[in-house]
């Protein structure tokens, strides 16, 4: 399995197919592994990786702090995830690419478009996270983790992360660094020894900075409104993927298309074809 070191963090990735490059930020919240494109929910149903690599070079990866990629305890922002993807493109020698995000992966895609528009041919935003319930539930996970740290200390966080095998979303006690705690013994040892008060400030800053609104997080509306990047927005409809979040991105992205198809009608028969239809209209030079 290929690995690239990006800003000192090991990043596991795979490249499938040939054609114009398509960098894919995986769904799965704080468990955004490359496998999610084939195993999770709607993505398992629509089977994008059975179709898109026939015409595009699909680059999938474990986002930092997820799966077999490494991590670093710091005040992570959407910009850090942008740097993760940009660093992978740089590693592969790719100067411009289409971007696709699923679920929480839509947030760094939107932020990438704002930070590096010259590198982005288009953006596909599948089931953007957002909505009041998403913010409330996400904050609740952070609060539960902080309470566990307060009561049990960081050694207990390490113990839970290593024993449960669950992601931050499935068991908030393990926190946002549960995956590297499990996969990297040196990381786990250093994690347990860090200053607990500093750690709590870092986690609180992440919660407040990344999940600060009742619509789609990731980039400011004023910045999105200035983008000249074609975008395809596909709505979800549940407590984590409010339809209002997708509509927000449609409203803020001047060159957006909104695929107004109910979730139940998003299938393998029509979904990959709709993405290809969108991508074919975009010249390689942008």
C-alpha atoms as a PDB file:
ATOM      1  CA  UNK A   1       0.000   0.000   0.000  1.00  0.00           C
ATOM      2  CA  UNK A   2       1.600   3.335  -1.046  1.00  0.00           C
ATOM      3  CA  UNK A   3       2.329   5.905   1.657  1.00  0.00           C
ATOM      4  CA  UNK A   4       3.289   9.552   1.262  1.00  0.00           C
ATOM      5  CA  UNK A   5       4.769  11.668   4.033  1.00  0.00           C
ATOM      6  CA  UNK A   6       2.932  14.980   4.031  1.00  0.00           C
ATOM      7  CA  UNK A   7       4.013  17.644   6.516  1.00  0.00           C
ATOM      8  CA  UNK A   8       5.610  14.926   8.578  1.00  0.00           C
ATOM      9  CA  UNK A   9       2.460  12.773   8.635  1.00  0.00           C
ATOM     10  CA  UNK A  10       2.266   9.412   6.882  1.00  0.00           C
ATOM     11  CA  UNK A  11      -0.691   9.273   4.482  1.00  0.00           C
ATOM     12  CA  UNK A  12      -1.947   5.975   3.070  1.00  0.00           C
ATOM     13  CA  UNK A  13      -3.385   6.245  -0.432  1.00  0.00           C
ATOM     14  CA  UNK A  14      -4.370   4.323  -3.558  1.00  0.00           C
ATOM     15  CA  UNK A  15      -4.629   5.355  -7.207  1.00  0.00           C
ATOM     16  CA  UNK A  16      -7.200   3.683  -9.439  1.00  0.00           C
ATOM     17  CA  UNK A  17      -7.816   4.049 -13.154  1.00  0.00           C
ATOM     18  CA  UNK A  18      -6.512   6.483 -15.725  1.00  0.00           C
ATOM     19  CA  UNK A  19      -7.522   9.799 -17.200  1.00  0.00           C
ATOM     20  CA  UNK A  20      -7.902  13.248 -15.628  1.00  0.00           C
ATOM     21  CA  UNK A  21      -7.100  13.199 -11.892  1.00  0.00           C
ATOM     22  CA  UNK A  22      -9.925  13.090  -9.339  1.00  0.00           C
ATOM     23  CA  UNK A  23      -8.888  13.545  -5.683  1.00  0.00           C
ATOM     24  CA  UNK A  24     -11.526  12.002  -3.428  1.00  0.00           C
ATOM     25  CA  UNK A  25     -11.957  13.085   0.206  1.00  0.00           C
ATOM     26  CA  UNK A  26     -13.646  10.100   1.834  1.00  0.00           C
ATOM     27  CA  UNK A  27     -16.873  10.068   3.821  1.00  0.00           C
ATOM     28  CA  UNK A  28     -16.979   8.740   7.366  1.00  0.00           C
ATOM     29  CA  UNK A  29     -16.563  11.785   9.601  1.00  0.00           C
ATOM     30  CA  UNK A  30     -13.491  11.262  11.789  1.00  0.00           C
ATOM     31  CA  UNK A  31     -13.087   7.785  10.308  1.00  0.00           C
ATOM     32  CA  UNK A  32     -12.535   8.896   6.708  1.00  0.00           C
ATOM     33  CA  UNK A  33     -10.666   5.895   5.310  1.00  0.00           C
ATOM     34  CA  UNK A  34     -10.360   5.051   1.641  1.00  0.00           C
ATOM     35  CA  UNK A  35     -12.444   1.908   2.211  1.00  0.00           C
ATOM     36  CA  UNK A  36     -15.480   4.058   2.990  1.00  0.00           C
ATOM     37  CA  UNK A  37     -15.947   4.699  -0.735  1.00  0.00           C
ATOM     38  CA  UNK A  38     -16.919   1.039  -1.135  1.00  0.00           C
ATOM     39  CA  UNK A  39     -18.294   0.020   2.279  1.00  0.00           C
ATOM     40  CA  UNK A  40     -20.313   2.865   3.765  1.00  0.00           C
ATOM     41  CA  UNK A  41     -23.996   3.553   3.236  1.00  0.00           C
ATOM     42  CA  UNK A  42     -24.929   5.238  -0.027  1.00  0.00           C
ATOM     43  CA  UNK A  43     -21.370   4.911  -1.364  1.00  0.00           C
ATOM     44  CA  UNK A  44     -21.533   1.111  -1.126  1.00  0.00           C
ATOM     45  CA  UNK A  45     -24.808   1.295  -3.061  1.00  0.00           C
ATOM     46  CA  UNK A  46     -23.716   3.582  -5.893  1.00  0.00           C
ATOM     47  CA  UNK A  47     -20.286   1.895  -6.365  1.00  0.00           C
ATOM     48  CA  UNK A  48     -18.403   4.917  -7.685  1.00  0.00           C
ATOM     49  CA  UNK A  49     -15.079   3.083  -7.772  1.00  0.00           C
ATOM     50  CA  UNK A  50     -16.557   0.448 -10.080  1.00  0.00           C
ATOM     51  CA  UNK A  51     -17.247   3.160 -12.652  1.00  0.00           C
ATOM     52  CA  UNK A  52     -15.214   6.357 -12.302  1.00  0.00           C
ATOM     53  CA  UNK A  53     -11.731   4.769 -12.710  1.00  0.00           C
ATOM     54  CA  UNK A  54     -12.721   3.747 -16.238  1.00  0.00           C
ATOM     55  CA  UNK A  55     -12.389   7.394 -17.247  1.00  0.00           C
ATOM     56  CA  UNK A  56     -10.587   9.156 -14.381  1.00  0.00           C
ATOM     57  CA  UNK A  57      -7.526   8.666 -12.217  1.00  0.00           C
ATOM     58  CA  UNK A  58      -9.209   8.288  -8.828  1.00  0.00           C
ATOM     59  CA  UNK A  59      -6.950   9.143  -5.887  1.00  0.00           C
ATOM     60  CA  UNK A  60      -8.333   7.892  -2.571  1.00  0.00           C
ATOM     61  CA  UNK A  61      -6.658   8.130   0.818  1.00  0.00           C
ATOM     62  CA  UNK A  62      -6.993   7.771   4.570  1.00  0.00           C
ATOM     63  CA  UNK A  63      -7.300  11.342   5.783  1.00  0.00           C
ATOM     64  CA  UNK A  64      -4.837  12.279   8.523  1.00  0.00           C
ATOM     65  CA  UNK A  65      -5.867  10.820  11.899  1.00  0.00           C
ATOM     66  CA  UNK A  66      -7.888   8.156  10.063  1.00  0.00           C
ATOM     67  CA  UNK A  67      -7.278   4.509   9.244  1.00  0.00           C
ATOM     68  CA  UNK A  68      -3.619   3.750   8.640  1.00  0.00           C
ATOM     69  CA  UNK A  69      -2.543   7.365   8.175  1.00  0.00           C
ATOM     70  CA  UNK A  70      -0.697   9.114  10.946  1.00  0.00           C
ATOM     71  CA  UNK A  71      -1.585  12.175  12.933  1.00  0.00           C
ATOM     72  CA  UNK A  72      -0.356  14.935  15.176  1.00  0.00           C
ATOM     73  CA  UNK A  73      -2.039  16.465  18.212  1.00  0.00           C
ATOM     74  CA  UNK A  74      -2.674  20.057  17.225  1.00  0.00           C
ATOM     75  CA  UNK A  75      -5.586  22.450  16.729  1.00  0.00           C
ATOM     76  CA  UNK A  76      -6.783  20.849  13.487  1.00  0.00           C
ATOM     77  CA  UNK A  77      -8.771  23.032  11.098  1.00  0.00           C
ATOM     78  CA  UNK A  78     -10.230  22.472   7.649  1.00  0.00           C
ATOM     79  CA  UNK A  79      -7.031  24.029   6.306  1.00  0.00           C
ATOM     80  CA  UNK A  80      -5.045  21.113   7.748  1.00  0.00           C
ATOM     81  CA  UNK A  81      -7.175  18.687   5.735  1.00  0.00           C
ATOM     82  CA  UNK A  82      -6.688  20.844   2.648  1.00  0.00           C
ATOM     83  CA  UNK A  83      -2.929  20.623   3.168  1.00  0.00           C
ATOM     84  CA  UNK A  84      -3.263  16.844   3.482  1.00  0.00           C
ATOM     85  CA  UNK A  85      -4.907  16.548   0.056  1.00  0.00           C
ATOM     86  CA  UNK A  86      -2.745  19.185  -1.612  1.00  0.00           C
ATOM     87  CA  UNK A  87       0.361  17.478  -0.315  1.00  0.00           C
ATOM     88  CA  UNK A  88      -0.795  14.214  -1.849  1.00  0.00           C
ATOM     89  CA  UNK A  89      -1.337  15.876  -5.225  1.00  0.00           C
ATOM     90  CA  UNK A  90       2.123  17.459  -4.961  1.00  0.00           C
ATOM     91  CA  UNK A  91       3.605  14.059  -4.103  1.00  0.00           C
ATOM     92  CA  UNK A  92       2.001  12.608  -7.237  1.00  0.00           C
ATOM     93  CA  UNK A  93       3.127  15.527  -9.392  1.00  0.00           C
ATOM     94  CA  UNK A  94      -0.418  16.662 -10.154  1.00  0.00           C
ATOM     95  CA  UNK A  95      -0.899  20.402 -10.584  1.00  0.00           C
ATOM     96  CA  UNK A  96      -4.669  20.487 -11.227  1.00  0.00           C
ATOM     97  CA  UNK A  97      -7.411  18.015 -10.360  1.00  0.00           C
ATOM     98  CA  UNK A  98     -11.115  17.521  -9.951  1.00  0.00           C
ATOM     99  CA  UNK A  99     -12.060  17.213  -6.284  1.00  0.00           C
ATOM    100  CA  UNK A 100     -14.799  15.095  -4.756  1.00  0.00           C
ATOM    101  CA  UNK A 101     -15.949  14.977  -1.168  1.00  0.00           C
ATOM    102  CA  UNK A 102     -18.409  12.671   0.523  1.00  0.00           C
ATOM    103  CA  UNK A 103     -20.104  13.552   3.804  1.00  0.00           C
ATOM    104  CA  UNK A 104     -17.607  15.482   5.983  1.00  0.00           C
ATOM    105  CA  UNK A 105     -15.181  15.240   3.070  1.00  0.00           C
ATOM    106  CA  UNK A 106     -17.174  18.021   1.403  1.00  0.00           C
ATOM    107  CA  UNK A 107     -15.835  20.492   3.976  1.00  0.00           C
ATOM    108  CA  UNK A 108     -12.144  20.249   3.001  1.00  0.00           C
ATOM    109  CA  UNK A 109     -13.132  20.206  -0.681  1.00  0.00           C
ATOM    110  CA  UNK A 110     -14.919  23.546  -0.296  1.00  0.00           C
ATOM    111  CA  UNK A 111     -11.998  24.904   1.726  1.00  0.00           C
ATOM    112  CA  UNK A 112      -9.531  23.608  -0.907  1.00  0.00           C
ATOM    113  CA  UNK A 113     -11.422  25.517  -3.593  1.00  0.00           C
ATOM    114  CA  UNK A 114     -11.121  28.708  -1.574  1.00  0.00           C
ATOM    115  CA  UNK A 115      -7.459  28.255  -0.627  1.00  0.00           C
ATOM    116  CA  UNK A 116      -6.088  26.911  -3.934  1.00  0.00           C
ATOM    117  CA  UNK A 117      -8.577  27.695  -6.713  1.00  0.00           C
ATOM    118  CA  UNK A 118      -5.825  27.474  -9.319  1.00  0.00           C
ATOM    119  CA  UNK A 119      -5.492  23.745  -8.580  1.00  0.00           C
ATOM    120  CA  UNK A 120      -9.175  22.856  -8.689  1.00  0.00           C
ATOM    121  CA  UNK A 121     -10.844  21.933 -11.990  1.00  0.00           C
ATOM    122  CA  UNK A 122     -14.204  21.207 -10.354  1.00  0.00           C
ATOM    123  CA  UNK A 123     -15.823  20.180  -7.085  1.00  0.00           C
ATOM    124  CA  UNK A 124     -18.278  17.343  -6.501  1.00  0.00           C
ATOM    125  CA  UNK A 125     -19.999  17.631  -3.133  1.00  0.00           C
ATOM    126  CA  UNK A 126     -21.884  14.443  -2.296  1.00  0.00           C
ATOM    127  CA  UNK A 127     -24.137  14.615   0.745  1.00  0.00           C
ATOM    128  CA  UNK A 128     -22.511  17.632   2.448  1.00  0.00           C
ATOM    129  CA  UNK A 129     -22.673  17.437   6.223  1.00  0.00           C
ATOM    130  CA  UNK A 130     -24.509  20.204   8.023  1.00  0.00           C
ATOM    131  CA  UNK A 131     -27.674  21.345   9.701  1.00  0.00           C
ATOM    132  CA  UNK A 132     -28.542  22.175  13.292  1.00  0.00           C
ATOM    133  CA  UNK A 133     -28.774  18.529  14.366  1.00  0.00           C
ATOM    134  CA  UNK A 134     -25.355  17.816  12.891  1.00  0.00           C
ATOM    135  CA  UNK A 135     -23.777  20.668  14.839  1.00  0.00           C
ATOM    136  CA  UNK A 136     -25.546  19.681  18.058  1.00  0.00           C
ATOM    137  CA  UNK A 137     -24.617  16.005  17.769  1.00  0.00           C
ATOM    138  CA  UNK A 138     -21.016  16.753  16.813  1.00  0.00           C
ATOM    139  CA  UNK A 139     -20.575  19.135  19.735  1.00  0.00           C
ATOM    140  CA  UNK A 140     -22.039  16.467  22.020  1.00  0.00           C
ATOM    141  CA  UNK A 141     -19.313  14.020  20.940  1.00  0.00           C
ATOM    142  CA  UNK A 142     -16.574  16.527  21.716  1.00  0.00           C
ATOM    143  CA  UNK A 143     -18.138  17.351  25.084  1.00  0.00           C
ATOM    144  CA  UNK A 144     -18.397  13.653  25.967  1.00  0.00           C
ATOM    145  CA  UNK A 145     -14.732  13.169  25.074  1.00  0.00           C
ATOM    146  CA  UNK A 146     -13.651  16.181  27.130  1.00  0.00           C
ATOM    147  CA  UNK A 147     -15.636  14.935  30.117  1.00  0.00           C
ATOM    148  CA  UNK A 148     -13.953  11.541  29.821  1.00  0.00           C
ATOM    149  CA  UNK A 149     -10.537  13.225  29.714  1.00  0.00           C
ATOM    150  CA  UNK A 150     -11.415  15.320  32.733  1.00  0.00           C
ATOM    151  CA  UNK A 151     -12.512  12.305  34.748  1.00  0.00           C
ATOM    152  CA  UNK A 152     -10.088   9.622  33.594  1.00  0.00           C
ATOM    153  CA  UNK A 153      -7.057  11.332  32.112  1.00  0.00           C
ATOM    154  CA  UNK A 154      -5.286  10.719  28.824  1.00  0.00           C
ATOM    155  CA  UNK A 155      -4.085   7.252  29.817  1.00  0.00           C
ATOM    156  CA  UNK A 156      -7.703   6.137  29.869  1.00  0.00           C
ATOM    157  CA  UNK A 157      -8.260   7.660  26.427  1.00  0.00           C
ATOM    158  CA  UNK A 158      -5.410   5.525  25.112  1.00  0.00           C
ATOM    159  CA  UNK A 159      -6.795   2.434  26.820  1.00  0.00           C
ATOM    160  CA  UNK A 160     -10.274   2.922  25.381  1.00  0.00           C
ATOM    161  CA  UNK A 161      -9.038   3.739  21.876  1.00  0.00           C
ATOM    162  CA  UNK A 162      -6.843   0.646  21.811  1.00  0.00           C
ATOM    163  CA  UNK A 163      -9.434  -1.723  23.279  1.00  0.00           C
ATOM    164  CA  UNK A 164     -12.623  -0.589  21.548  1.00  0.00           C
ATOM    165  CA  UNK A 165     -11.330  -0.359  17.995  1.00  0.00           C
ATOM    166  CA  UNK A 166     -13.984   2.300  17.370  1.00  0.00           C
ATOM    167  CA  UNK A 167     -13.769   5.720  15.764  1.00  0.00           C
ATOM    168  CA  UNK A 168     -14.413   9.029  17.498  1.00  0.00           C
ATOM    169  CA  UNK A 169     -17.920   9.074  16.048  1.00  0.00           C
ATOM    170  CA  UNK A 170     -18.736   5.570  17.310  1.00  0.00           C
ATOM    171  CA  UNK A 171     -17.138   5.999  20.746  1.00  0.00           C
ATOM    172  CA  UNK A 172     -16.357   9.639  21.623  1.00  0.00           C
ATOM    173  CA  UNK A 173     -14.234   8.587  24.599  1.00  0.00           C
ATOM    174  CA  UNK A 174     -11.382   7.682  22.240  1.00  0.00           C
ATOM    175  CA  UNK A 175     -11.308  11.184  20.740  1.00  0.00           C
ATOM    176  CA  UNK A 176     -10.221  12.520  17.342  1.00  0.00           C
ATOM    177  CA  UNK A 177      -6.822  10.746  17.532  1.00  0.00           C
ATOM    178  CA  UNK A 178      -8.179   7.250  18.225  1.00  0.00           C
ATOM    179  CA  UNK A 179      -6.832   5.783  14.959  1.00  0.00           C
ATOM    180  CA  UNK A 180      -3.162   6.819  15.330  1.00  0.00           C
ATOM    181  CA  UNK A 181      -3.319   5.826  19.003  1.00  0.00           C
ATOM    182  CA  UNK A 182      -4.171   2.314  17.817  1.00  0.00           C
ATOM    183  CA  UNK A 183      -1.788   2.115  14.880  1.00  0.00           C
ATOM    184  CA  UNK A 184       1.310   3.832  16.292  1.00  0.00           C
ATOM    185  CA  UNK A 185       2.700   2.769  19.671  1.00  0.00           C
ATOM    186  CA  UNK A 186       5.068   5.740  19.910  1.00  0.00           C
ATOM    187  CA  UNK A 187       2.198   8.123  19.163  1.00  0.00           C
ATOM    188  CA  UNK A 188       0.080   6.488  21.878  1.00  0.00           C
ATOM    189  CA  UNK A 189       2.869   6.782  24.445  1.00  0.00           C
ATOM    190  CA  UNK A 190       3.445  10.450  23.658  1.00  0.00           C
ATOM    191  CA  UNK A 191      -0.306  11.113  23.647  1.00  0.00           C
ATOM    192  CA  UNK A 192      -0.700   9.788  27.183  1.00  0.00           C
ATOM    193  CA  UNK A 193       2.166  11.936  28.489  1.00  0.00           C
ATOM    194  CA  UNK A 194       1.079  15.309  27.080  1.00  0.00           C
ATOM    195  CA  UNK A 195      -0.262  18.158  29.195  1.00  0.00           C
ATOM    196  CA  UNK A 196      -3.939  17.459  29.778  1.00  0.00           C
ATOM    197  CA  UNK A 197      -4.981  21.103  30.117  1.00  0.00           C
ATOM    198  CA  UNK A 198      -3.311  22.003  26.831  1.00  0.00           C
ATOM    199  CA  UNK A 199      -4.985  19.021  25.206  1.00  0.00           C
ATOM    200  CA  UNK A 200      -8.422  20.112  26.374  1.00  0.00           C
ATOM    201  CA  UNK A 201      -7.857  23.567  24.871  1.00  0.00           C
ATOM    202  CA  UNK A 202      -6.850  22.018  21.545  1.00  0.00           C
ATOM    203  CA  UNK A 203      -9.960  19.822  21.419  1.00  0.00           C
ATOM    204  CA  UNK A 204     -12.255  22.681  22.431  1.00  0.00           C
ATOM    205  CA  UNK A 205     -10.718  24.873  19.737  1.00  0.00           C
ATOM    206  CA  UNK A 206     -11.325  22.195  17.119  1.00  0.00           C
ATOM    207  CA  UNK A 207     -14.959  21.846  18.133  1.00  0.00           C
ATOM    208  CA  UNK A 208     -15.654  25.560  18.086  1.00  0.00           C
ATOM    209  CA  UNK A 209     -13.654  26.316  14.967  1.00  0.00           C
ATOM    210  CA  UNK A 210     -14.727  23.472  12.694  1.00  0.00           C
ATOM    211  CA  UNK A 211     -18.379  23.089  13.679  1.00  0.00           C
ATOM    212  CA  UNK A 212     -19.420  26.681  14.186  1.00  0.00           C
ATOM    213  CA  UNK A 213     -22.617  26.913  12.145  1.00  0.00           C
ATOM    214  CA  UNK A 214     -25.973  25.320  11.437  1.00  0.00           C
ATOM    215  CA  UNK A 215     -25.275  24.956   7.734  1.00  0.00           C
ATOM    216  CA  UNK A 216     -22.447  23.397   5.725  1.00  0.00           C
ATOM    217  CA  UNK A 217     -19.081  24.042   7.452  1.00  0.00           C
ATOM    218  CA  UNK A 218     -15.721  24.256   5.736  1.00  0.00           C
ATOM    219  CA  UNK A 219     -15.578  27.653   4.043  1.00  0.00           C
ATOM    220  CA  UNK A 220     -17.092  31.079   4.514  1.00  0.00           C
ATOM    221  CA  UNK A 221     -20.004  32.058   2.237  1.00  0.00           C
ATOM    222  CA  UNK A 222     -18.244  35.278   1.230  1.00  0.00           C
ATOM    223  CA  UNK A 223     -15.293  33.233  -0.036  1.00  0.00           C
ATOM    224  CA  UNK A 224     -17.410  30.641  -1.820  1.00  0.00           C
ATOM    225  CA  UNK A 225     -19.350  33.377  -3.585  1.00  0.00           C
ATOM    226  CA  UNK A 226     -16.133  34.506  -5.277  1.00  0.00           C
ATOM    227  CA  UNK A 227     -15.232  31.123  -6.743  1.00  0.00           C
ATOM    228  CA  UNK A 228     -15.256  30.482 -10.466  1.00  0.00           C
ATOM    229  CA  UNK A 229     -15.120  26.700 -10.072  1.00  0.00           C
ATOM    230  CA  UNK A 230     -17.826  24.411 -11.502  1.00  0.00           C
ATOM    231  CA  UNK A 231     -19.489  22.407  -8.744  1.00  0.00           C
ATOM    232  CA  UNK A 232     -21.995  19.574  -8.561  1.00  0.00           C
ATOM    233  CA  UNK A 233     -23.973  19.353  -5.317  1.00  0.00           C
ATOM    234  CA  UNK A 234     -25.837  16.154  -4.406  1.00  0.00           C
ATOM    235  CA  UNK A 235     -28.114  16.410  -1.338  1.00  0.00           C
ATOM    236  CA  UNK A 236     -28.520  14.029   1.548  1.00  0.00           C
ATOM    237  CA  UNK A 237     -31.451  14.078   3.934  1.00  0.00           C
ATOM    238  CA  UNK A 238     -30.821  12.961   7.492  1.00  0.00           C
ATOM    239  CA  UNK A 239     -29.573  14.277  10.830  1.00  0.00           C
ATOM    240  CA  UNK A 240     -25.974  14.534   9.617  1.00  0.00           C
ATOM    241  CA  UNK A 241     -26.556  15.574   6.008  1.00  0.00           C
ATOM    242  CA  UNK A 242     -29.343  18.137   6.077  1.00  0.00           C
ATOM    243  CA  UNK A 243     -30.731  19.054   2.683  1.00  0.00           C
ATOM    244  CA  UNK A 244     -30.389  22.684   3.781  1.00  0.00           C
ATOM    245  CA  UNK A 245     -26.589  22.233   3.874  1.00  0.00           C
ATOM    246  CA  UNK A 246     -26.573  21.154   0.226  1.00  0.00           C
ATOM    247  CA  UNK A 247     -28.834  24.045  -0.723  1.00  0.00           C
ATOM    248  CA  UNK A 248     -26.474  26.425   1.090  1.00  0.00           C
ATOM    249  CA  UNK A 249     -23.576  25.303  -1.091  1.00  0.00           C
ATOM    250  CA  UNK A 250     -25.713  25.566  -4.208  1.00  0.00           C
ATOM    251  CA  UNK A 251     -26.587  29.133  -3.242  1.00  0.00           C
ATOM    252  CA  UNK A 252     -23.002  30.159  -2.437  1.00  0.00           C
ATOM    253  CA  UNK A 253     -21.191  28.561  -5.393  1.00  0.00           C
ATOM    254  CA  UNK A 254     -21.858  30.697  -8.506  1.00  0.00           C
ATOM    255  CA  UNK A 255     -21.136  27.860 -10.966  1.00  0.00           C
ATOM    256  CA  UNK A 256     -22.974  25.108  -9.128  1.00  0.00           C
ATOM    257  CA  UNK A 257     -25.351  22.470 -10.420  1.00  0.00           C
ATOM    258  CA  UNK A 258     -27.782  20.901  -7.965  1.00  0.00           C
ATOM    259  CA  UNK A 259     -28.832  17.312  -8.625  1.00  0.00           C
ATOM    260  CA  UNK A 260     -32.323  17.438  -7.173  1.00  0.00           C
ATOM    261  CA  UNK A 261     -32.862  13.702  -6.815  1.00  0.00           C
ATOM    262  CA  UNK A 262     -34.288  12.123  -3.626  1.00  0.00           C
ATOM    263  CA  UNK A 263     -31.880   9.983  -1.650  1.00  0.00           C
ATOM    264  CA  UNK A 264     -33.815   6.797  -2.407  1.00  0.00           C
ATOM    265  CA  UNK A 265     -33.429   7.444  -6.133  1.00  0.00           C
ATOM    266  CA  UNK A 266     -29.650   7.926  -6.029  1.00  0.00           C
ATOM    267  CA  UNK A 267     -28.533   4.559  -7.400  1.00  0.00           C
ATOM    268  CA  UNK A 268     -25.665   2.835  -9.167  1.00  0.00           C
ATOM    269  CA  UNK A 269     -27.657   3.141 -12.367  1.00  0.00           C
ATOM    270  CA  UNK A 270     -27.766   6.943 -12.340  1.00  0.00           C
ATOM    271  CA  UNK A 271     -25.216   8.344  -9.859  1.00  0.00           C
ATOM    272  CA  UNK A 272     -21.850   7.540 -11.521  1.00  0.00           C
ATOM    273  CA  UNK A 273     -23.335   8.571 -14.871  1.00  0.00           C
ATOM    274  CA  UNK A 274     -24.438  11.928 -13.442  1.00  0.00           C
ATOM    275  CA  UNK A 275     -20.933  12.587 -12.138  1.00  0.00           C
ATOM    276  CA  UNK A 276     -19.347  11.677 -15.480  1.00  0.00           C
ATOM    277  CA  UNK A 277     -21.849  13.890 -17.290  1.00  0.00           C
ATOM    278  CA  UNK A 278     -20.796  16.788 -15.081  1.00  0.00           C
ATOM    279  CA  UNK A 279     -17.062  16.152 -15.407  1.00  0.00           C
ATOM    280  CA  UNK A 280     -17.123  15.757 -19.189  1.00  0.00           C
ATOM    281  CA  UNK A 281     -18.275  19.353 -19.603  1.00  0.00           C
ATOM    282  CA  UNK A 282     -15.143  20.697 -17.922  1.00  0.00           C
ATOM    283  CA  UNK A 283     -12.047  21.242 -20.102  1.00  0.00           C
ATOM    284  CA  UNK A 284      -8.784  19.906 -18.728  1.00  0.00           C
ATOM    285  CA  UNK A 285      -7.326  23.408 -18.596  1.00  0.00           C
ATOM    286  CA  UNK A 286     -10.212  24.569 -16.367  1.00  0.00           C
END
